Amino acid sequence: MAKLPGQQNASNVYPLRLRTDEAARLIKAAAQDSDKVIFSDHAQERMAERGFDIADVFWVLENGHVYQDPVLESFEWNGNEHKLWNVIIEKNFSGNRDIGAVTIILQDGDLFIKTVEWIDT
């Protein structure tokens, strides 16, 4: 299982901060293998609504930038607390509009695309 930067052997130990450049590197590396990218139903609905396709999102994941600090989010699943990094990676798409992919970096290094949105710049 891949570990997040700074993660120790214990599965419940996480770095206090994930730098934007490190988050972008992790996302770009995972996006090289389409089997490592999972799209939520919500993301797929928003993509259809906004006229994006899978290729657009992979283009953002492979070429985008992370401008905002990643957020470490906690959630409970199967009675256990889990912490995962929530990151928005974005890339200019059309004039003054960027596409933003709200991306969760999973513990194994895979990506979960939570939603895809327009970001006006």
C-alpha atoms as a PDB file:
ATOM      1  CA  MET A   1       0.000   0.000   0.000  1.00  0.00           C
ATOM      2  CA  ALA A   2       1.355   3.411  -0.938  1.00  0.00           C
ATOM      3  CA  LYS A   3       1.830   5.873   1.898  1.00  0.00           C
ATOM      4  CA  LEU A   4       1.186   9.586   1.889  1.00  0.00           C
ATOM      5  CA  PRO A   5       4.229  11.812   2.250  1.00  0.00           C
ATOM      6  CA  GLY A   6       5.420  11.775   5.827  1.00  0.00           C
ATOM      7  CA  GLN A   7       3.113   8.896   6.788  1.00  0.00           C
ATOM      8  CA  GLN A   8       4.713   6.412   9.113  1.00  0.00           C
ATOM      9  CA  ASN A   9       4.062   2.680   9.255  1.00  0.00           C
ATOM     10  CA  ALA A  10       1.012   3.066  11.472  1.00  0.00           C
ATOM     11  CA  SER A  11      -2.024   3.482   9.226  1.00  0.00           C
ATOM     12  CA  ASN A  12      -3.481   6.225  11.418  1.00  0.00           C
ATOM     13  CA  VAL A  13      -0.474   8.576  11.397  1.00  0.00           C
ATOM     14  CA  TYR A  14      -0.621  11.433   8.890  1.00  0.00           C
ATOM     15  CA  PRO A  15       1.542  14.442   8.145  1.00  0.00           C
ATOM     16  CA  LEU A  16       0.244  17.673   9.613  1.00  0.00           C
ATOM     17  CA  ARG A  17       0.560  19.389   6.257  1.00  0.00           C
ATOM     18  CA  LEU A  18       0.717  18.356   2.621  1.00  0.00           C
ATOM     19  CA  ARG A  19       2.361  20.999   0.447  1.00  0.00           C
ATOM     20  CA  THR A  20       0.579  22.074  -2.728  1.00  0.00           C
ATOM     21  CA  ASP A  21       3.482  20.949  -4.940  1.00  0.00           C
ATOM     22  CA  GLU A  22       3.583  17.536  -3.272  1.00  0.00           C
ATOM     23  CA  ALA A  23      -0.203  17.117  -3.685  1.00  0.00           C
ATOM     24  CA  ALA A  24       0.097  18.011  -7.376  1.00  0.00           C
ATOM     25  CA  ARG A  25       2.926  15.494  -7.801  1.00  0.00           C
ATOM     26  CA  LEU A  26       0.899  12.712  -6.177  1.00  0.00           C
ATOM     27  CA  ILE A  27      -2.149  13.490  -8.323  1.00  0.00           C
ATOM     28  CA  LYS A  28      -0.172  13.679 -11.568  1.00  0.00           C
ATOM     29  CA  ALA A  29       1.587  10.386 -10.831  1.00  0.00           C
ATOM     30  CA  ALA A  30      -1.660   8.547 -10.039  1.00  0.00           C
ATOM     31  CA  ALA A  31      -3.410  10.003 -13.107  1.00  0.00           C
ATOM     32  CA  GLN A  32      -0.926   8.216 -15.368  1.00  0.00           C
ATOM     33  CA  ASP A  33      -2.900   5.011 -14.716  1.00  0.00           C
ATOM     34  CA  SER A  34      -6.640   5.371 -15.360  1.00  0.00           C
ATOM     35  CA  ASP A  35      -7.298   2.380 -13.066  1.00  0.00           C
ATOM     36  CA  LYS A  36      -6.125   4.570 -10.158  1.00  0.00           C
ATOM     37  CA  VAL A  37      -8.832   7.207 -10.718  1.00  0.00           C
ATOM     38  CA  ILE A  38     -12.357   6.667  -9.382  1.00  0.00           C
ATOM     39  CA  PHE A  39     -15.195   9.055 -10.265  1.00  0.00           C
ATOM     40  CA  SER A  40     -18.084   9.585  -7.851  1.00  0.00           C
ATOM     41  CA  ASP A  41     -21.615   9.516  -9.225  1.00  0.00           C
ATOM     42  CA  HIS A  42     -21.826  13.196  -8.281  1.00  0.00           C
ATOM     43  CA  ALA A  43     -18.692  14.005 -10.316  1.00  0.00           C
ATOM     44  CA  GLN A  44     -20.074  12.172 -13.338  1.00  0.00           C
ATOM     45  CA  GLU A  45     -23.372  14.062 -13.063  1.00  0.00           C
ATOM     46  CA  ARG A  46     -21.588  17.417 -12.805  1.00  0.00           C
ATOM     47  CA  MET A  47     -19.333  16.539 -15.746  1.00  0.00           C
ATOM     48  CA  ALA A  48     -22.364  15.830 -17.936  1.00  0.00           C
ATOM     49  CA  GLU A  49     -24.115  18.976 -16.706  1.00  0.00           C
ATOM     50  CA  ARG A  50     -21.064  21.174 -17.415  1.00  0.00           C
ATOM     51  CA  GLY A  51     -20.038  19.575 -20.697  1.00  0.00           C
ATOM     52  CA  PHE A  52     -16.807  17.937 -19.480  1.00  0.00           C
ATOM     53  CA  ASP A  53     -15.699  14.479 -20.506  1.00  0.00           C
ATOM     54  CA  ILE A  54     -13.237  12.017 -18.978  1.00  0.00           C
ATOM     55  CA  ALA A  55     -10.414  13.297 -21.198  1.00  0.00           C
ATOM     56  CA  ASP A  56     -10.951  16.852 -19.890  1.00  0.00           C
ATOM     57  CA  VAL A  57     -10.634  15.682 -16.292  1.00  0.00           C
ATOM     58  CA  PHE A  58      -7.534  13.589 -16.963  1.00  0.00           C
ATOM     59  CA  TRP A  59      -6.013  16.616 -18.730  1.00  0.00           C
ATOM     60  CA  VAL A  60      -6.588  18.630 -15.527  1.00  0.00           C
ATOM     61  CA  LEU A  61      -5.197  15.860 -13.300  1.00  0.00           C
ATOM     62  CA  GLU A  62      -2.091  15.440 -15.459  1.00  0.00           C
ATOM     63  CA  ASN A  63      -1.386  19.130 -16.177  1.00  0.00           C
ATOM     64  CA  GLY A  64      -3.100  21.140 -13.460  1.00  0.00           C
ATOM     65  CA  HIS A  65      -1.895  23.093 -10.455  1.00  0.00           C
ATOM     66  CA  VAL A  66      -2.845  23.022  -6.792  1.00  0.00           C
ATOM     67  CA  TYR A  67      -3.177  26.601  -5.537  1.00  0.00           C
ATOM     68  CA  GLN A  68      -5.048  26.055  -2.265  1.00  0.00           C
ATOM     69  CA  ASP A  69      -3.585  24.133   0.656  1.00  0.00           C
ATOM     70  CA  PRO A  70      -4.832  20.535   0.789  1.00  0.00           C
ATOM     71  CA  VAL A  71      -7.229  19.854   3.664  1.00  0.00           C
ATOM     72  CA  LEU A  72      -6.930  16.754   5.848  1.00  0.00           C
ATOM     73  CA  GLU A  73     -10.484  15.517   6.370  1.00  0.00           C
ATOM     74  CA  SER A  74     -11.674  12.937   8.872  1.00  0.00           C
ATOM     75  CA  PHE A  75     -14.581  10.590   8.402  1.00  0.00           C
ATOM     76  CA  GLU A  76     -15.874   7.430  10.012  1.00  0.00           C
ATOM     77  CA  TRP A  77     -16.368   4.264   8.002  1.00  0.00           C
ATOM     78  CA  ASN A  78     -17.046   0.779   9.355  1.00  0.00           C
ATOM     79  CA  GLY A  79     -16.552   2.085  12.872  1.00  0.00           C
ATOM     80  CA  ASN A  80     -13.047   3.381  12.174  1.00  0.00           C
ATOM     81  CA  GLU A  81     -11.820   6.926  11.744  1.00  0.00           C
ATOM     82  CA  HIS A  82     -10.073   7.637   8.437  1.00  0.00           C
ATOM     83  CA  LYS A  83      -8.187  10.730   7.323  1.00  0.00           C
ATOM     84  CA  LEU A  84      -7.680  11.629   3.685  1.00  0.00           C
ATOM     85  CA  TRP A  85      -6.382  14.659   1.817  1.00  0.00           C
ATOM     86  CA  ASN A  86      -8.957  16.764  -0.034  1.00  0.00           C
ATOM     87  CA  VAL A  87      -7.303  18.705  -2.871  1.00  0.00           C
ATOM     88  CA  ILE A  88      -8.568  20.964  -5.662  1.00  0.00           C
ATOM     89  CA  ILE A  89      -6.426  20.701  -8.773  1.00  0.00           C
ATOM     90  CA  GLU A  90      -7.234  23.149 -11.537  1.00  0.00           C
ATOM     91  CA  LYS A  91      -6.204  24.070 -15.054  1.00  0.00           C
ATOM     92  CA  ASN A  92      -7.202  26.900 -17.356  1.00  0.00           C
ATOM     93  CA  PHE A  93      -9.703  25.646 -19.906  1.00  0.00           C
ATOM     94  CA  SER A  94     -11.348  28.571 -21.607  1.00  0.00           C
ATOM     95  CA  GLY A  95     -10.334  32.215 -21.294  1.00  0.00           C
ATOM     96  CA  ASN A  96     -10.866  33.210 -17.685  1.00  0.00           C
ATOM     97  CA  ARG A  97     -12.323  29.852 -16.634  1.00  0.00           C
ATOM     98  CA  ASP A  98     -10.501  26.961 -15.024  1.00  0.00           C
ATOM     99  CA  ILE A  99     -11.729  23.437 -14.535  1.00  0.00           C
ATOM    100  CA  GLY A 100     -11.334  22.330 -10.916  1.00  0.00           C
ATOM    101  CA  ALA A 101     -11.326  18.675  -9.922  1.00  0.00           C
ATOM    102  CA  VAL A 102     -12.037  18.177  -6.225  1.00  0.00           C
ATOM    103  CA  THR A 103      -9.838  15.168  -5.578  1.00  0.00           C
ATOM    104  CA  ILE A 104      -9.438  12.910  -2.554  1.00  0.00           C
ATOM    105  CA  ILE A 105      -6.035  11.228  -2.311  1.00  0.00           C
ATOM    106  CA  LEU A 106      -6.759   7.749  -0.963  1.00  0.00           C
ATOM    107  CA  GLN A 107      -4.426   5.888   1.384  1.00  0.00           C
ATOM    108  CA  ASP A 108      -3.254   3.561  -1.392  1.00  0.00           C
ATOM    109  CA  GLY A 109      -2.411   6.512  -3.649  1.00  0.00           C
ATOM    110  CA  ASP A 110      -5.495   6.173  -5.842  1.00  0.00           C
ATOM    111  CA  LEU A 111      -7.644   9.229  -6.543  1.00  0.00           C
ATOM    112  CA  PHE A 112     -11.348   9.696  -5.844  1.00  0.00           C
ATOM    113  CA  ILE A 113     -12.847  12.517  -7.894  1.00  0.00           C
ATOM    114  CA  LYS A 114     -15.528  14.015  -5.683  1.00  0.00           C
ATOM    115  CA  THR A 115     -16.761  16.653  -8.145  1.00  0.00           C
ATOM    116  CA  VAL A 116     -15.684  18.677 -11.161  1.00  0.00           C
ATOM    117  CA  GLU A 117     -16.468  22.380 -11.346  1.00  0.00           C
ATOM    118  CA  TRP A 118     -15.869  25.614 -13.192  1.00  0.00           C
ATOM    119  CA  ILE A 119     -13.613  28.042 -11.362  1.00  0.00           C
ATOM    120  CA  ASP A 120     -13.840  31.629 -12.594  1.00  0.00           C
ATOM    121  CA  THR A 121     -10.497  33.414 -12.423  1.00  0.00           C
END
